[in-house]
């Protein structure tokens, strides 16, 4: 049981670090103030809503927090790849 909690804590810490990087990249993009900035801001708000609904659905269907954190991490990594192109 202890290992499961430590694994979750480590994955959550990694998610936090990766999310900070994406927030920095998005802030830089939005600061440009062009049309792409506006689309990025809209995308960010929509993604957060979808991610929350997906996480709640996963938990409601008996999924684990490990699965939720893993899914969030995959979405954050996809955003980082997209924003660094």
PDB file of N, CA and C in Angstrom:
ATOM      1  N   UNK A   1       0.823  -1.199   0.000  1.00  0.00           N
ATOM      2  CA  UNK A   1       0.000   0.000   0.000  1.00  0.00           C
ATOM      3  C   UNK A   1       0.865   1.259   0.000  1.00  0.00           C
ATOM      4  N   UNK A   2       1.938   1.231   0.797  1.00  0.00           N
ATOM      5  CA  UNK A   2       2.838   2.383   0.877  1.00  0.00           C
ATOM      6  C   UNK A   2       3.449   2.682  -0.490  1.00  0.00           C
ATOM      7  N   UNK A   3       3.861   1.651  -1.208  1.00  0.00           N
ATOM      8  CA  UNK A   3       4.462   1.836  -2.531  1.00  0.00           C
ATOM      9  C   UNK A   3       3.471   2.474  -3.498  1.00  0.00           C
ATOM     10  N   UNK A   4       2.222   2.061  -3.437  1.00  0.00           N
ATOM     11  CA  UNK A   4       1.204   2.643  -4.326  1.00  0.00           C
ATOM     12  C   UNK A   4       1.052   4.135  -4.060  1.00  0.00           C
ATOM     13  N   UNK A   5       1.047   4.538  -2.802  1.00  0.00           N
ATOM     14  CA  UNK A   5       0.928   5.953  -2.472  1.00  0.00           C
ATOM     15  C   UNK A   5       2.171   6.732  -2.911  1.00  0.00           C
ATOM     16  N   UNK A   6       3.328   6.130  -2.728  1.00  0.00           N
ATOM     17  CA  UNK A   6       4.560   6.807  -3.140  1.00  0.00           C
ATOM     18  C   UNK A   6       4.622   6.939  -4.664  1.00  0.00           C
ATOM     19  N   UNK A   7       4.173   5.918  -5.371  1.00  0.00           N
ATOM     20  CA  UNK A   7       4.132   5.989  -6.837  1.00  0.00           C
ATOM     21  C   UNK A   7       3.190   7.105  -7.292  1.00  0.00           C
ATOM     22  N   UNK A   8       2.041   7.208  -6.644  1.00  0.00           N
ATOM     23  CA  UNK A   8       1.088   8.257  -6.980  1.00  0.00           C
ATOM     24  C   UNK A   8       1.684   9.638  -6.673  1.00  0.00           C
ATOM     25  N   UNK A   9       2.352   9.767  -5.540  1.00  0.00           N
ATOM     26  CA  UNK A   9       2.973  11.048  -5.177  1.00  0.00           C
ATOM     27  C   UNK A   9       4.045  11.435  -6.192  1.00  0.00           C
ATOM     28  N   UNK A  10       4.853  10.473  -6.622  1.00  0.00           N
ATOM     29  CA  UNK A  10       5.905  10.752  -7.601  1.00  0.00           C
ATOM     30  C   UNK A  10       5.307  11.141  -8.941  1.00  0.00           C
ATOM     31  N   UNK A  11       4.291  10.414  -9.387  1.00  0.00           N
ATOM     32  CA  UNK A  11       3.641  10.740 -10.662  1.00  0.00           C
ATOM     33  C   UNK A  11       2.974  12.110 -10.591  1.00  0.00           C
ATOM     34  N   UNK A  12       2.402  12.444  -9.446  1.00  0.00           N
ATOM     35  CA  UNK A  12       1.773  13.755  -9.275  1.00  0.00           C
ATOM     36  C   UNK A  12       2.813  14.867  -9.307  1.00  0.00           C
ATOM     37  N   UNK A  13       3.964  14.624  -8.712  1.00  0.00           N
ATOM     38  CA  UNK A  13       5.044  15.616  -8.744  1.00  0.00           C
ATOM     39  C   UNK A  13       5.551  15.812 -10.175  1.00  0.00           C
ATOM     40  N   UNK A  14       5.654  14.736 -10.931  1.00  0.00           N
ATOM     41  CA  UNK A  14       6.057  14.852 -12.326  1.00  0.00           C
ATOM     42  C   UNK A  14       5.016  15.630 -13.120  1.00  0.00           C
ATOM     43  N   UNK A  15       3.745  15.352 -12.874  1.00  0.00           N
ATOM     44  CA  UNK A  15       2.667  16.083 -13.539  1.00  0.00           C
ATOM     45  C   UNK A  15       2.760  17.566 -13.218  1.00  0.00           C
ATOM     46  N   UNK A  16       3.010  17.899 -11.970  1.00  0.00           N
ATOM     47  CA  UNK A  16       3.128  19.291 -11.563  1.00  0.00           C
ATOM     48  C   UNK A  16       4.253  19.977 -12.332  1.00  0.00           C
ATOM     49  N   UNK A  17       5.420  19.333 -12.422  1.00  0.00           N
ATOM     50  CA  UNK A  17       6.566  19.912 -13.119  1.00  0.00           C
ATOM     51  C   UNK A  17       6.255  20.101 -14.601  1.00  0.00           C
ATOM     52  N   UNK A  18       5.683  19.083 -15.218  1.00  0.00           N
ATOM     53  CA  UNK A  18       5.359  19.159 -16.648  1.00  0.00           C
ATOM     54  C   UNK A  18       4.299  20.234 -16.912  1.00  0.00           C
ATOM     55  N   UNK A  19       3.325  20.342 -16.014  1.00  0.00           N
ATOM     56  CA  UNK A  19       2.275  21.351 -16.177  1.00  0.00           C
ATOM     57  C   UNK A  19       2.862  22.757 -16.062  1.00  0.00           C
ATOM     58  N   UNK A  20       3.840  22.944 -15.180  1.00  0.00           N
ATOM     59  CA  UNK A  20       4.493  24.251 -15.058  1.00  0.00           C
ATOM     60  C   UNK A  20       5.183  24.640 -16.364  1.00  0.00           C
ATOM     61  N   UNK A  21       5.810  23.673 -17.016  1.00  0.00           N
ATOM     62  CA  UNK A  21       6.475  23.948 -18.289  1.00  0.00           C
ATOM     63  C   UNK A  21       5.453  24.364 -19.348  1.00  0.00           C
ATOM     64  N   UNK A  22       4.331  23.660 -19.400  1.00  0.00           N
ATOM     65  CA  UNK A  22       3.296  23.983 -20.383  1.00  0.00           C
ATOM     66  C   UNK A  22       2.691  25.351 -20.074  1.00  0.00           C
ATOM     67  N   UNK A  23       2.499  25.672 -18.803  1.00  0.00           N
ATOM     68  CA  UNK A  23       1.962  26.987 -18.452  1.00  0.00           C
ATOM     69  C   UNK A  23       2.907  28.098 -18.902  1.00  0.00           C
ATOM     70  N   UNK A  24       4.200  27.882 -18.756  1.00  0.00           N
ATOM     71  CA  UNK A  24       5.177  28.867 -19.199  1.00  0.00           C
ATOM     72  C   UNK A  24       5.128  29.022 -20.721  1.00  0.00           C
ATOM     73  N   UNK A  25       5.071  27.910 -21.439  1.00  0.00           N
ATOM     74  CA  UNK A  25       5.007  27.957 -22.899  1.00  0.00           C
ATOM     75  C   UNK A  25       3.726  28.652 -23.375  1.00  0.00           C
ATOM     76  N   UNK A  26       2.635  28.345 -22.719  1.00  0.00           N
ATOM     77  CA  UNK A  26       1.362  28.971 -23.102  1.00  0.00           C
ATOM     78  C   UNK A  26       1.375  30.460 -22.789  1.00  0.00           C
ATOM     79  N   UNK A  27       1.936  30.838 -21.664  1.00  0.00           N
ATOM     80  CA  UNK A  27       2.016  32.249 -21.303  1.00  0.00           C
ATOM     81  C   UNK A  27       2.810  33.022 -22.348  1.00  0.00           C
ATOM     82  N   UNK A  28       3.918  32.443 -22.783  1.00  0.00           N
ATOM     83  CA  UNK A  28       4.735  33.098 -23.806  1.00  0.00           C
ATOM     84  C   UNK A  28       3.953  33.229 -25.111  1.00  0.00           C
ATOM     85  N   UNK A  29       3.216  32.191 -25.472  1.00  0.00           N
ATOM     86  CA  UNK A  29       2.439  32.223 -26.717  1.00  0.00           C
ATOM     87  C   UNK A  29       1.309  33.247 -26.631  1.00  0.00           C
ATOM     88  N   UNK A  30       0.605  33.267 -25.524  1.00  0.00           N
ATOM     89  CA  UNK A  30      -0.522  34.183 -25.357  1.00  0.00           C
ATOM     90  C   UNK A  30      -0.033  35.635 -25.294  1.00  0.00           C
ATOM     91  N   UNK A  31       1.158  35.841 -24.752  1.00  0.00           N
ATOM     92  CA  UNK A  31       1.707  37.193 -24.644  1.00  0.00           C
ATOM     93  C   UNK A  31       1.942  37.836 -26.010  1.00  0.00           C
ATOM     94  N   UNK A  32       2.045  37.033 -27.057  1.00  0.00           N
ATOM     95  CA  UNK A  32       2.239  37.592 -28.393  1.00  0.00           C
ATOM     96  C   UNK A  32       1.038  38.420 -28.834  1.00  0.00           C
ATOM     97  N   UNK A  33      -0.152  38.045 -28.391  1.00  0.00           N
ATOM     98  CA  UNK A  33      -1.354  38.815 -28.667  1.00  0.00           C
ATOM     99  C   UNK A  33      -1.901  38.698 -30.077  1.00  0.00           C
ATOM    100  N   UNK A  34      -1.487  37.698 -30.821  1.00  0.00           N
ATOM    101  CA  UNK A  34      -1.992  37.537 -32.187  1.00  0.00           C
ATOM    102  C   UNK A  34      -3.181  36.576 -32.210  1.00  0.00           C
ATOM    103  N   UNK A  35      -3.618  36.222 -33.417  1.00  0.00           N
ATOM    104  CA  UNK A  35      -4.772  35.330 -33.554  1.00  0.00           C
ATOM    105  C   UNK A  35      -4.481  33.959 -32.959  1.00  0.00           C
ATOM    106  N   UNK A  36      -3.251  33.478 -33.123  1.00  0.00           N
ATOM    107  CA  UNK A  36      -2.880  32.179 -32.546  1.00  0.00           C
ATOM    108  C   UNK A  36      -2.960  32.224 -31.020  1.00  0.00           C
ATOM    109  N   UNK A  37      -2.673  33.372 -30.438  1.00  0.00           N
ATOM    110  CA  UNK A  37      -2.776  33.534 -28.981  1.00  0.00           C
ATOM    111  C   UNK A  37      -4.214  33.356 -28.516  1.00  0.00           C
ATOM    112  N   UNK A  38      -5.112  33.949 -29.253  1.00  0.00           N
ATOM    113  CA  UNK A  38      -6.535  33.843 -28.915  1.00  0.00           C
ATOM    114  C   UNK A  38      -7.003  32.386 -28.998  1.00  0.00           C
ATOM    115  N   UNK A  39      -6.587  31.689 -30.055  1.00  0.00           N
ATOM    116  CA  UNK A  39      -6.965  30.270 -30.206  1.00  0.00           C
ATOM    117  C   UNK A  39      -6.374  29.437 -29.075  1.00  0.00           C
ATOM    118  N   UNK A  40      -5.133  29.743 -28.676  1.00  0.00           N
ATOM    119  CA  UNK A  40      -4.492  28.993 -27.592  1.00  0.00           C
ATOM    120  C   UNK A  40      -5.245  29.184 -26.281  1.00  0.00           C
ATOM    121  N   UNK A  41      -5.668  30.408 -26.011  1.00  0.00           N
ATOM    122  CA  UNK A  41      -6.424  30.673 -24.781  1.00  0.00           C
ATOM    123  C   UNK A  41      -7.748  29.920 -24.787  1.00  0.00           C
ATOM    124  N   UNK A  42      -8.429  29.926 -25.919  1.00  0.00           N
ATOM    125  CA  UNK A  42      -9.688  29.181 -26.024  1.00  0.00           C
ATOM    126  C   UNK A  42      -9.448  27.683 -25.850  1.00  0.00           C
ATOM    127  N   UNK A  43      -8.405  27.187 -26.488  1.00  0.00           N
ATOM    128  CA  UNK A  43      -8.079  25.766 -26.406  1.00  0.00           C
ATOM    129  C   UNK A  43      -7.791  25.365 -24.955  1.00  0.00           C
ATOM    130  N   UNK A  44      -7.047  26.206 -24.258  1.00  0.00           N
ATOM    131  CA  UNK A  44      -6.682  25.916 -22.882  1.00  0.00           C
ATOM    132  C   UNK A  44      -7.928  25.768 -22.009  1.00  0.00           C
ATOM    133  N   UNK A  45      -8.868  26.679 -22.139  1.00  0.00           N
ATOM    134  CA  UNK A  45     -10.086  26.632 -21.325  1.00  0.00           C
ATOM    135  C   UNK A  45     -10.902  25.383 -21.664  1.00  0.00           C
ATOM    136  N   UNK A  46     -11.045  25.094 -22.956  1.00  0.00           N
ATOM    137  CA  UNK A  46     -11.812  23.906 -23.360  1.00  0.00           C
ATOM    138  C   UNK A  46     -11.155  22.622 -22.855  1.00  0.00           C
ATOM    139  N   UNK A  47      -9.824  22.533 -22.983  1.00  0.00           N
ATOM    140  CA  UNK A  47      -9.119  21.328 -22.541  1.00  0.00           C
ATOM    141  C   UNK A  47      -9.315  21.069 -21.068  1.00  0.00           C
ATOM    142  N   UNK A  48      -9.308  22.130 -20.273  1.00  0.00           N
ATOM    143  CA  UNK A  48      -9.464  21.956 -18.830  1.00  0.00           C
ATOM    144  C   UNK A  48     -10.841  21.374 -18.494  1.00  0.00           C
ATOM    145  N   UNK A  49     -11.855  21.861 -19.171  1.00  0.00           N
ATOM    146  CA  UNK A  49     -13.201  21.333 -18.946  1.00  0.00           C
ATOM    147  C   UNK A  49     -13.320  19.876 -19.345  1.00  0.00           C
ATOM    148  N   UNK A  50     -12.790  19.542 -20.515  1.00  0.00           N
ATOM    149  CA  UNK A  50     -12.832  18.151 -20.979  1.00  0.00           C
ATOM    150  C   UNK A  50     -12.027  17.234 -20.057  1.00  0.00           C
ATOM    151  N   UNK A  51     -10.851  17.708 -19.624  1.00  0.00           N
ATOM    152  CA  UNK A  51     -10.006  16.888 -18.751  1.00  0.00           C
ATOM    153  C   UNK A  51     -10.702  16.612 -17.421  1.00  0.00           C
ATOM    154  N   UNK A  52     -11.366  17.635 -16.878  1.00  0.00           N
ATOM    155  CA  UNK A  52     -12.087  17.445 -15.618  1.00  0.00           C
ATOM    156  C   UNK A  52     -13.221  16.439 -15.786  1.00  0.00           C
ATOM    157  N   UNK A  53     -13.990  16.584 -16.864  1.00  0.00           N
ATOM    158  CA  UNK A  53     -15.097  15.657 -17.100  1.00  0.00           C
ATOM    159  C   UNK A  53     -14.582  14.233 -17.280  1.00  0.00           C
ATOM    160  N   UNK A  54     -13.478  14.087 -18.001  1.00  0.00           N
ATOM    161  CA  UNK A  54     -12.906  12.754 -18.209  1.00  0.00           C
ATOM    162  C   UNK A  54     -12.423  12.149 -16.897  1.00  0.00           C
ATOM    163  N   UNK A  55     -11.775  12.964 -16.066  1.00  0.00           N
ATOM    164  CA  UNK A  55     -11.287  12.469 -14.771  1.00  0.00           C
ATOM    165  C   UNK A  55     -12.441  12.055 -13.875  1.00  0.00           C
ATOM    166  N   UNK A  56     -13.476  12.856 -13.836  1.00  0.00           N
ATOM    167  CA  UNK A  56     -14.634  12.516 -13.000  1.00  0.00           C
ATOM    168  C   UNK A  56     -15.305  11.246 -13.506  1.00  0.00           C
ATOM    169  N   UNK A  57     -15.394  11.106 -14.822  1.00  0.00           N
ATOM    170  CA  UNK A  57     -15.977   9.889 -15.393  1.00  0.00           C
ATOM    171  C   UNK A  57     -15.157   8.660 -15.058  1.00  0.00           C
ATOM    172  N   UNK A  58     -13.836   8.794 -15.140  1.00  0.00           N
ATOM    173  CA  UNK A  58     -12.951   7.679 -14.811  1.00  0.00           C
ATOM    174  C   UNK A  58     -13.151   7.245 -13.369  1.00  0.00           C
ATOM    175  N   UNK A  59     -13.176   8.213 -12.468  1.00  0.00           N
ATOM    176  CA  UNK A  59     -13.347   7.893 -11.051  1.00  0.00           C
ATOM    177  C   UNK A  59     -14.748   7.339 -10.765  1.00  0.00           C
ATOM    178  N   UNK A  60     -15.752   7.883 -11.422  1.00  0.00           N
ATOM    179  CA  UNK A  60     -17.127   7.415 -11.216  1.00  0.00           C
ATOM    180  C   UNK A  60     -17.298   5.972 -11.675  1.00  0.00           C
ATOM    181  N   UNK A  61     -16.522   5.579 -12.689  1.00  0.00           N
ATOM    182  CA  UNK A  61     -16.611   4.207 -13.203  1.00  0.00           C
ATOM    183  C   UNK A  61     -15.668   3.247 -12.465  1.00  0.00           C
ATOM    184  N   UNK A  62     -15.063   3.740 -11.381  1.00  0.00           N
ATOM    185  CA  UNK A  62     -14.218   2.864 -10.570  1.00  0.00           C
ATOM    186  C   UNK A  62     -12.753   2.897 -10.940  1.00  0.00           C
ATOM    187  N   UNK A  63     -12.350   3.833 -11.799  1.00  0.00           N
ATOM    188  CA  UNK A  63     -10.947   3.964 -12.174  1.00  0.00           C
ATOM    189  C   UNK A  63     -10.120   4.489 -11.013  1.00  0.00           C
ATOM    190  N   UNK A  64      -8.834   4.350 -11.116  1.00  0.00           N
ATOM    191  CA  UNK A  64      -7.946   4.760 -10.028  1.00  0.00           C
ATOM    192  C   UNK A  64      -7.381   6.156 -10.263  1.00  0.00           C
ATOM    193  N   UNK A  65      -6.869   6.736  -9.196  1.00  0.00           N
ATOM    194  CA  UNK A  65      -6.189   8.022  -9.306  1.00  0.00           C
ATOM    195  C   UNK A  65      -4.931   7.885 -10.165  1.00  0.00           C
ATOM    196  N   UNK A  66      -4.303   6.722 -10.116  1.00  0.00           N
ATOM    197  CA  UNK A  66      -3.124   6.479 -10.963  1.00  0.00           C
ATOM    198  C   UNK A  66      -3.489   6.643 -12.436  1.00  0.00           C
ATOM    199  N   UNK A  67      -4.652   6.131 -12.797  1.00  0.00           N
ATOM    200  CA  UNK A  67      -5.105   6.238 -14.183  1.00  0.00           C
ATOM    201  C   UNK A  67      -5.396   7.691 -14.546  1.00  0.00           C
ATOM    202  N   UNK A  68      -6.012   8.416 -13.638  1.00  0.00           N
ATOM    203  CA  UNK A  68      -6.330   9.826 -13.879  1.00  0.00           C
ATOM    204  C   UNK A  68      -5.048  10.636 -14.057  1.00  0.00           C
ATOM    205  N   UNK A  69      -4.094  10.454 -13.150  1.00  0.00           N
ATOM    206  CA  UNK A  69      -2.834  11.194 -13.232  1.00  0.00           C
ATOM    207  C   UNK A  69      -2.084  10.821 -14.511  1.00  0.00           C
ATOM    208  N   UNK A  70      -2.084   9.549 -14.850  1.00  0.00           N
ATOM    209  CA  UNK A  70      -1.427   9.109 -16.084  1.00  0.00           C
ATOM    210  C   UNK A  70      -2.039   9.752 -17.316  1.00  0.00           C
ATOM    211  N   UNK A  71      -3.360   9.845 -17.338  1.00  0.00           N
ATOM    212  CA  UNK A  71      -4.034  10.469 -18.488  1.00  0.00           C
ATOM    213  C   UNK A  71      -3.726  11.955 -18.560  1.00  0.00           C
ATOM    214  N   UNK A  72      -3.766  12.632 -17.406  1.00  0.00           N
ATOM    215  CA  UNK A  72      -3.410  14.050 -17.384  1.00  0.00           C
ATOM    216  C   UNK A  72      -1.981  14.251 -17.895  1.00  0.00           C
ATOM    217  N   UNK A  73      -1.076  13.394 -17.442  1.00  0.00           N
ATOM    218  CA  UNK A  73       0.324  13.532 -17.875  1.00  0.00           C
ATOM    219  C   UNK A  73       0.456  13.359 -19.378  1.00  0.00           C
ATOM    220  N   UNK A  74      -0.277  12.418 -19.961  1.00  0.00           N
ATOM    221  CA  UNK A  74      -0.177  12.230 -21.412  1.00  0.00           C
ATOM    222  C   UNK A  74      -0.715  13.457 -22.147  1.00  0.00           C
ATOM    223  N   UNK A  75      -1.757  14.071 -21.630  1.00  0.00           N
ATOM    224  CA  UNK A  75      -2.296  15.281 -22.253  1.00  0.00           C
ATOM    225  C   UNK A  75      -1.326  16.455 -22.120  1.00  0.00           C
ATOM    226  N   UNK A  76      -0.706  16.575 -20.968  1.00  0.00           N
ATOM    227  CA  UNK A  76       0.253  17.659 -20.748  1.00  0.00           C
ATOM    228  C   UNK A  76       1.467  17.480 -21.662  1.00  0.00           C
ATOM    229  N   UNK A  77       1.951  16.255 -21.784  1.00  0.00           N
ATOM    230  CA  UNK A  77       3.099  16.006 -22.674  1.00  0.00           C
ATOM    231  C   UNK A  77       2.743  16.309 -24.118  1.00  0.00           C
ATOM    232  N   UNK A  78       1.524  15.985 -24.537  1.00  0.00           N
ATOM    233  CA  UNK A  78       1.092  16.295 -25.900  1.00  0.00           C
ATOM    234  C   UNK A  78       1.062  17.804 -26.120  1.00  0.00           C
ATOM    235  N   UNK A  79       0.599  18.545 -25.131  1.00  0.00           N
ATOM    236  CA  UNK A  79       0.597  20.000 -25.252  1.00  0.00           C
ATOM    237  C   UNK A  79       2.020  20.552 -25.326  1.00  0.00           C
ATOM    238  N   UNK A  80       2.909  19.991 -24.535  1.00  0.00           N
ATOM    239  CA  UNK A  80       4.309  20.458 -24.572  1.00  0.00           C
ATOM    240  C   UNK A  80       4.921  20.216 -25.943  1.00  0.00           C
ATOM    241  N   UNK A  81       4.680  19.027 -26.519  1.00  0.00           N
ATOM    242  CA  UNK A  81       5.207  18.741 -27.847  1.00  0.00           C
ATOM    243  C   UNK A  81       4.647  19.721 -28.876  1.00  0.00           C
ATOM    244  N   UNK A  82       3.348  19.977 -28.774  1.00  0.00           N
ATOM    245  CA  UNK A  82       2.704  20.888 -29.721  1.00  0.00           C
ATOM    246  C   UNK A  82       3.236  22.301 -29.588  1.00  0.00           C
ATOM    247  N   UNK A  83       3.439  22.763 -28.368  1.00  0.00           N
ATOM    248  CA  UNK A  83       3.865  24.139 -28.137  1.00  0.00           C
ATOM    249  C   UNK A  83       5.353  24.360 -28.419  1.00  0.00           C
ATOM    250  N   UNK A  84       6.142  23.320 -28.445  1.00  0.00           N
ATOM    251  CA  UNK A  84       7.582  23.488 -28.702  1.00  0.00           C
ATOM    252  C   UNK A  84       7.948  23.277 -30.161  1.00  0.00           C
ATOM    253  N   UNK A  85       6.977  23.027 -31.021  1.00  0.00           N
ATOM    254  CA  UNK A  85       7.281  22.878 -32.452  1.00  0.00           C
ATOM    255  C   UNK A  85       7.583  24.203 -33.075  1.00  0.00           C
TER     256      UNK A  85
END
